[in-house]
């Protein structure tokens, strides 16, 4: 079994969760070698080079994948999916974020991930938070990624739903490790993760359908 993982702070709880599960060591070790960014995982899952991954919401709607009610959801703001007002420029790592910026008419440079989080924490006034903008418009959370599967659906469904329904405690030594690796303070990481949830409940699912519908309408007008 080959699982691809987004290598951002937003899935730190998943990393800790999987380490604690009674899974074979070869599976746990393989995850470390399959870490990447969203658009790359989209491609790998489509080519069946991996069995499952949290991939961008827009890609998860394509035919060929089975999906699970687990994802990366910003309840109101997210701080790591941003637009810097100015000339339009896509982020090569996220199809969903690029399209979301267009739908919300947020013109500028799209920036995502840990890089975006660091920029926001230093100068929040310079950026538009796309999840916050979505919430202001629709009063809904925003689903940035969804767990999608090619093979071993029952296994990933069990693991994914268990993770989505469980609050994960992050040990202090891991926070310190991420602080050193990602150049973000431990308290900032804890605050950031409070903005996120991982269960695609009824409200999040409605928001996802709203976004997919808006994306189809946007493409039809182009």
Protein backbone atom coordinates (compact mmCIF):
# COMPACT_ATOMS: atom_id res chain seq x y z
CA UNK A 1 0.00 0.00 0.00
CA UNK A 2 1.34 3.40 -1.01
CA UNK A 3 0.02 6.55 0.64
CA UNK A 4 1.02 10.03 -0.50
CA UNK A 5 1.08 12.82 2.08
CA UNK A 6 1.03 16.59 1.67
CA UNK A 7 4.23 17.83 3.29
CA UNK A 8 2.72 20.88 5.02
CA UNK A 9 2.05 21.77 8.65
CA UNK A 10 -1.69 21.43 7.99
CA UNK A 11 -1.33 17.63 8.01
CA UNK A 12 0.93 17.42 11.05
CA UNK A 13 -1.96 15.87 13.06
CA UNK A 14 -2.25 13.12 10.43
CA UNK A 15 1.48 12.39 10.68
CA UNK A 16 1.18 11.93 14.45
CA UNK A 17 -2.03 9.92 14.13
CA UNK A 18 -0.52 7.44 11.66
CA UNK A 19 2.58 6.94 13.80
CA UNK A 20 0.36 5.82 16.68
CA UNK A 21 -1.71 3.38 14.65
CA UNK A 22 -1.03 -0.40 14.68
CA UNK A 23 0.15 -0.38 11.06
CA UNK A 24 3.06 -2.26 9.56
CA UNK A 25 6.40 -0.44 9.72
CA UNK A 26 6.91 -0.67 5.96
CA UNK A 27 3.70 1.30 5.39
CA UNK A 28 4.67 3.99 7.92
CA UNK A 29 8.18 4.26 6.48
CA UNK A 30 6.91 4.51 2.91
CA UNK A 31 4.93 7.67 3.79
CA UNK A 32 8.16 9.54 4.47
CA UNK A 33 9.24 8.90 0.88
CA UNK A 34 5.89 9.82 -0.67
CA UNK A 35 5.57 13.34 0.75
CA UNK A 36 4.88 16.06 -1.79
CA UNK A 37 2.71 19.09 -2.57
CA UNK A 38 -0.98 18.94 -3.64
CA UNK A 39 -0.70 19.24 -7.43
CA UNK A 40 2.05 16.58 -7.56
CA UNK A 41 -0.06 14.17 -5.52
CA UNK A 42 -3.00 14.85 -7.84
CA UNK A 43 -0.84 13.71 -10.73
CA UNK A 44 0.55 10.66 -8.92
CA UNK A 45 -2.91 9.46 -7.89
CA UNK A 46 -4.25 9.95 -11.40
CA UNK A 47 -1.36 7.87 -12.80
CA UNK A 48 -1.95 5.26 -10.06
CA UNK A 49 1.57 5.68 -8.73
CA UNK A 50 0.07 5.93 -5.24
CA UNK A 51 -3.02 4.29 -3.77
CA UNK A 52 -4.44 7.18 -1.76
CA UNK A 53 -3.76 10.78 -0.74
CA UNK A 54 -5.35 14.00 0.41
CA UNK A 55 -5.58 15.71 -2.96
CA UNK A 56 -7.01 19.08 -3.99
CA UNK A 57 -10.79 19.31 -3.88
CA UNK A 58 -11.11 20.13 -7.57
CA UNK A 59 -9.01 17.10 -8.53
CA UNK A 60 -10.91 14.81 -6.16
CA UNK A 61 -14.08 15.41 -8.17
CA UNK A 62 -12.59 13.78 -11.27
CA UNK A 63 -13.74 10.35 -12.35
CA UNK A 64 -11.62 7.40 -11.31
CA UNK A 65 -11.28 8.17 -7.61
CA UNK A 66 -13.30 7.03 -4.64
CA UNK A 67 -13.54 9.68 -1.95
CA UNK A 68 -13.82 9.56 1.83
CA UNK A 69 -15.35 12.11 4.21
CA UNK A 70 -11.97 13.27 5.43
CA UNK A 71 -10.17 16.32 4.16
CA UNK A 72 -8.44 19.58 5.01
CA UNK A 73 -11.12 22.10 5.98
CA UNK A 74 -10.72 25.71 7.07
CA UNK A 75 -13.57 26.58 9.42
CA UNK A 76 -13.27 30.35 8.84
CA UNK A 77 -9.78 31.58 8.03
CA UNK A 78 -6.77 29.49 7.09
CA UNK A 79 -3.69 31.78 6.97
CA UNK A 80 -1.90 29.48 4.50
CA UNK A 81 -3.89 29.97 1.29
CA UNK A 82 -3.44 33.58 0.32
CA UNK A 83 -3.47 36.15 -2.43
CA UNK A 84 -0.97 38.98 -2.43
CA UNK A 85 -2.79 41.83 -4.13
CA UNK A 86 -1.15 42.81 -7.40
CA UNK A 87 -0.46 41.11 -10.70
CA UNK A 88 -2.11 37.71 -11.11
CA UNK A 89 0.16 34.72 -10.68
CA UNK A 90 -0.80 31.11 -10.01
CA UNK A 91 0.79 28.91 -7.38
CA UNK A 92 2.07 25.81 -9.23
CA UNK A 93 1.34 23.61 -6.21
CA UNK A 94 -2.46 23.91 -5.90
CA UNK A 95 -5.17 23.74 -8.56
CA UNK A 96 -7.96 24.33 -6.02
CA UNK A 97 -6.43 27.51 -4.59
CA UNK A 98 -5.77 29.01 -8.01
CA UNK A 99 -9.36 28.39 -9.09
CA UNK A 100 -10.76 29.62 -5.78
CA UNK A 101 -8.93 32.93 -6.20
CA UNK A 102 -10.50 33.36 -9.65
CA UNK A 103 -14.00 32.50 -8.43
CA UNK A 104 -13.70 34.97 -5.55
CA UNK A 105 -12.17 37.59 -7.89
CA UNK A 106 -9.13 37.96 -5.64
CA UNK A 107 -6.57 39.33 -8.05
CA UNK A 108 -2.91 38.88 -7.29
CA UNK A 109 -0.30 36.24 -6.60
CA UNK A 110 -1.61 32.99 -5.11
CA UNK A 111 0.60 31.56 -2.35
CA UNK A 112 -0.08 28.38 -0.37
CA UNK A 113 1.41 26.10 2.26
CA UNK A 114 4.01 26.71 4.92
CA UNK A 115 5.59 29.47 2.83
CA UNK A 116 2.26 31.32 2.82
CA UNK A 117 1.80 30.82 6.55
CA UNK A 118 5.19 32.40 7.31
CA UNK A 119 4.45 35.35 5.04
CA UNK A 120 1.04 35.89 6.63
CA UNK A 121 2.37 35.74 10.18
CA UNK A 122 4.94 38.44 9.36
CA UNK A 123 2.68 40.80 7.38
CA UNK A 124 -1.01 39.78 7.47
CA UNK A 125 -2.11 43.14 6.09
CA UNK A 126 -0.41 42.36 2.76
CA UNK A 127 -2.53 39.28 2.01
CA UNK A 128 -6.11 38.19 1.36
CA UNK A 129 -7.01 34.96 3.16
CA UNK A 130 -9.07 32.97 0.63
CA UNK A 131 -10.84 30.80 3.21
CA UNK A 132 -11.87 33.92 5.12
CA UNK A 133 -13.11 35.52 1.90
CA UNK A 134 -15.12 32.36 1.09
CA UNK A 135 -16.63 32.32 4.60
CA UNK A 136 -17.60 35.98 4.35
CA UNK A 137 -19.38 35.32 1.06
CA UNK A 138 -21.11 32.00 1.82
CA UNK A 139 -20.91 31.62 5.62
CA UNK A 140 -19.39 28.18 5.03
CA UNK A 141 -16.11 26.43 5.78
CA UNK A 142 -13.88 25.67 2.81
CA UNK A 143 -12.66 22.20 1.84
CA UNK A 144 -9.19 22.49 0.35
CA UNK A 145 -8.44 18.78 0.01
CA UNK A 146 -10.25 15.46 0.20
CA UNK A 147 -8.95 11.96 0.90
CA UNK A 148 -9.17 10.12 -2.41
CA UNK A 149 -8.42 6.47 -3.12
CA UNK A 150 -7.45 4.20 -6.01
CA UNK A 151 -6.98 0.92 -4.13
CA UNK A 152 -7.64 -0.58 -0.69
CA UNK A 153 -10.70 1.59 -0.20
CA UNK A 154 -11.98 -0.16 2.95
CA UNK A 155 -8.60 0.20 4.66
CA UNK A 156 -8.27 3.91 3.87
CA UNK A 157 -11.91 4.57 4.73
CA UNK A 158 -11.40 3.07 8.19
CA UNK A 159 -8.17 4.99 8.78
CA UNK A 160 -9.42 8.25 7.25
CA UNK A 161 -12.68 8.38 9.16
CA UNK A 162 -10.99 7.44 12.42
CA UNK A 163 -8.53 10.30 11.94
CA UNK A 164 -11.24 12.79 10.98
CA UNK A 165 -13.27 12.01 14.10
CA UNK A 166 -10.39 12.10 16.55
CA UNK A 167 -8.65 15.04 18.22
CA UNK A 168 -4.91 14.52 17.90
CA UNK A 169 -2.58 15.71 20.65
CA UNK A 170 0.70 17.09 19.33
CA UNK A 171 3.67 16.35 21.63
CA UNK A 172 5.81 19.35 22.51
CA UNK A 173 9.00 17.80 21.13
CA UNK A 174 7.36 17.48 17.70
CA UNK A 175 6.22 21.11 17.83
CA UNK A 176 9.81 22.11 18.56
CA UNK A 177 11.05 19.96 15.67
CA UNK A 178 8.61 21.63 13.28
CA UNK A 179 9.52 25.05 14.67
CA UNK A 180 13.14 24.41 13.72
CA UNK A 181 12.33 22.88 10.33
CA UNK A 182 9.59 25.26 9.20
CA UNK A 183 10.66 28.48 10.92
CA UNK A 184 7.24 28.94 12.57
CA UNK A 185 6.88 29.31 16.36
CA UNK A 186 5.27 26.49 18.35
CA UNK A 187 2.41 28.69 19.57
CA UNK A 188 1.81 29.89 16.01
CA UNK A 189 1.56 26.29 14.83
CA UNK A 190 -0.96 25.48 17.56
CA UNK A 191 -3.05 28.55 16.74
CA UNK A 192 -2.90 27.79 13.03
CA UNK A 193 -4.10 24.21 13.48
CA UNK A 194 -7.11 25.44 15.46
CA UNK A 195 -8.37 26.96 12.20
CA UNK A 196 -8.54 23.52 10.62
CA UNK A 197 -10.76 20.47 10.87
CA UNK A 198 -10.55 17.17 9.03
CA UNK A 199 -14.09 15.79 8.99
CA UNK A 200 -16.19 16.56 5.92
CA UNK A 201 -19.51 16.87 7.72
CA UNK A 202 -22.83 18.00 6.25
CA UNK A 203 -21.88 21.69 6.22
CA UNK A 204 -18.43 21.06 4.74
CA UNK A 205 -19.91 18.75 2.12
CA UNK A 206 -22.42 21.43 1.12
CA UNK A 207 -19.58 23.92 0.83
CA UNK A 208 -17.60 21.50 -1.34
CA UNK A 209 -20.58 21.06 -3.67
CA UNK A 210 -21.01 24.84 -3.78
CA UNK A 211 -17.37 25.26 -4.80
CA UNK A 212 -17.52 22.53 -7.46
CA UNK A 213 -20.69 24.05 -8.89
CA UNK A 214 -19.09 27.50 -8.93
CA UNK A 215 -16.02 26.08 -10.64
CA UNK A 216 -18.13 24.55 -13.42
CA UNK A 217 -19.98 27.81 -13.94
CA UNK A 218 -16.71 29.74 -13.98
CA UNK A 219 -15.21 27.47 -16.62
CA UNK A 220 -18.37 27.70 -18.74
CA UNK A 221 -18.08 31.47 -18.87
CA UNK A 222 -14.47 31.35 -20.03
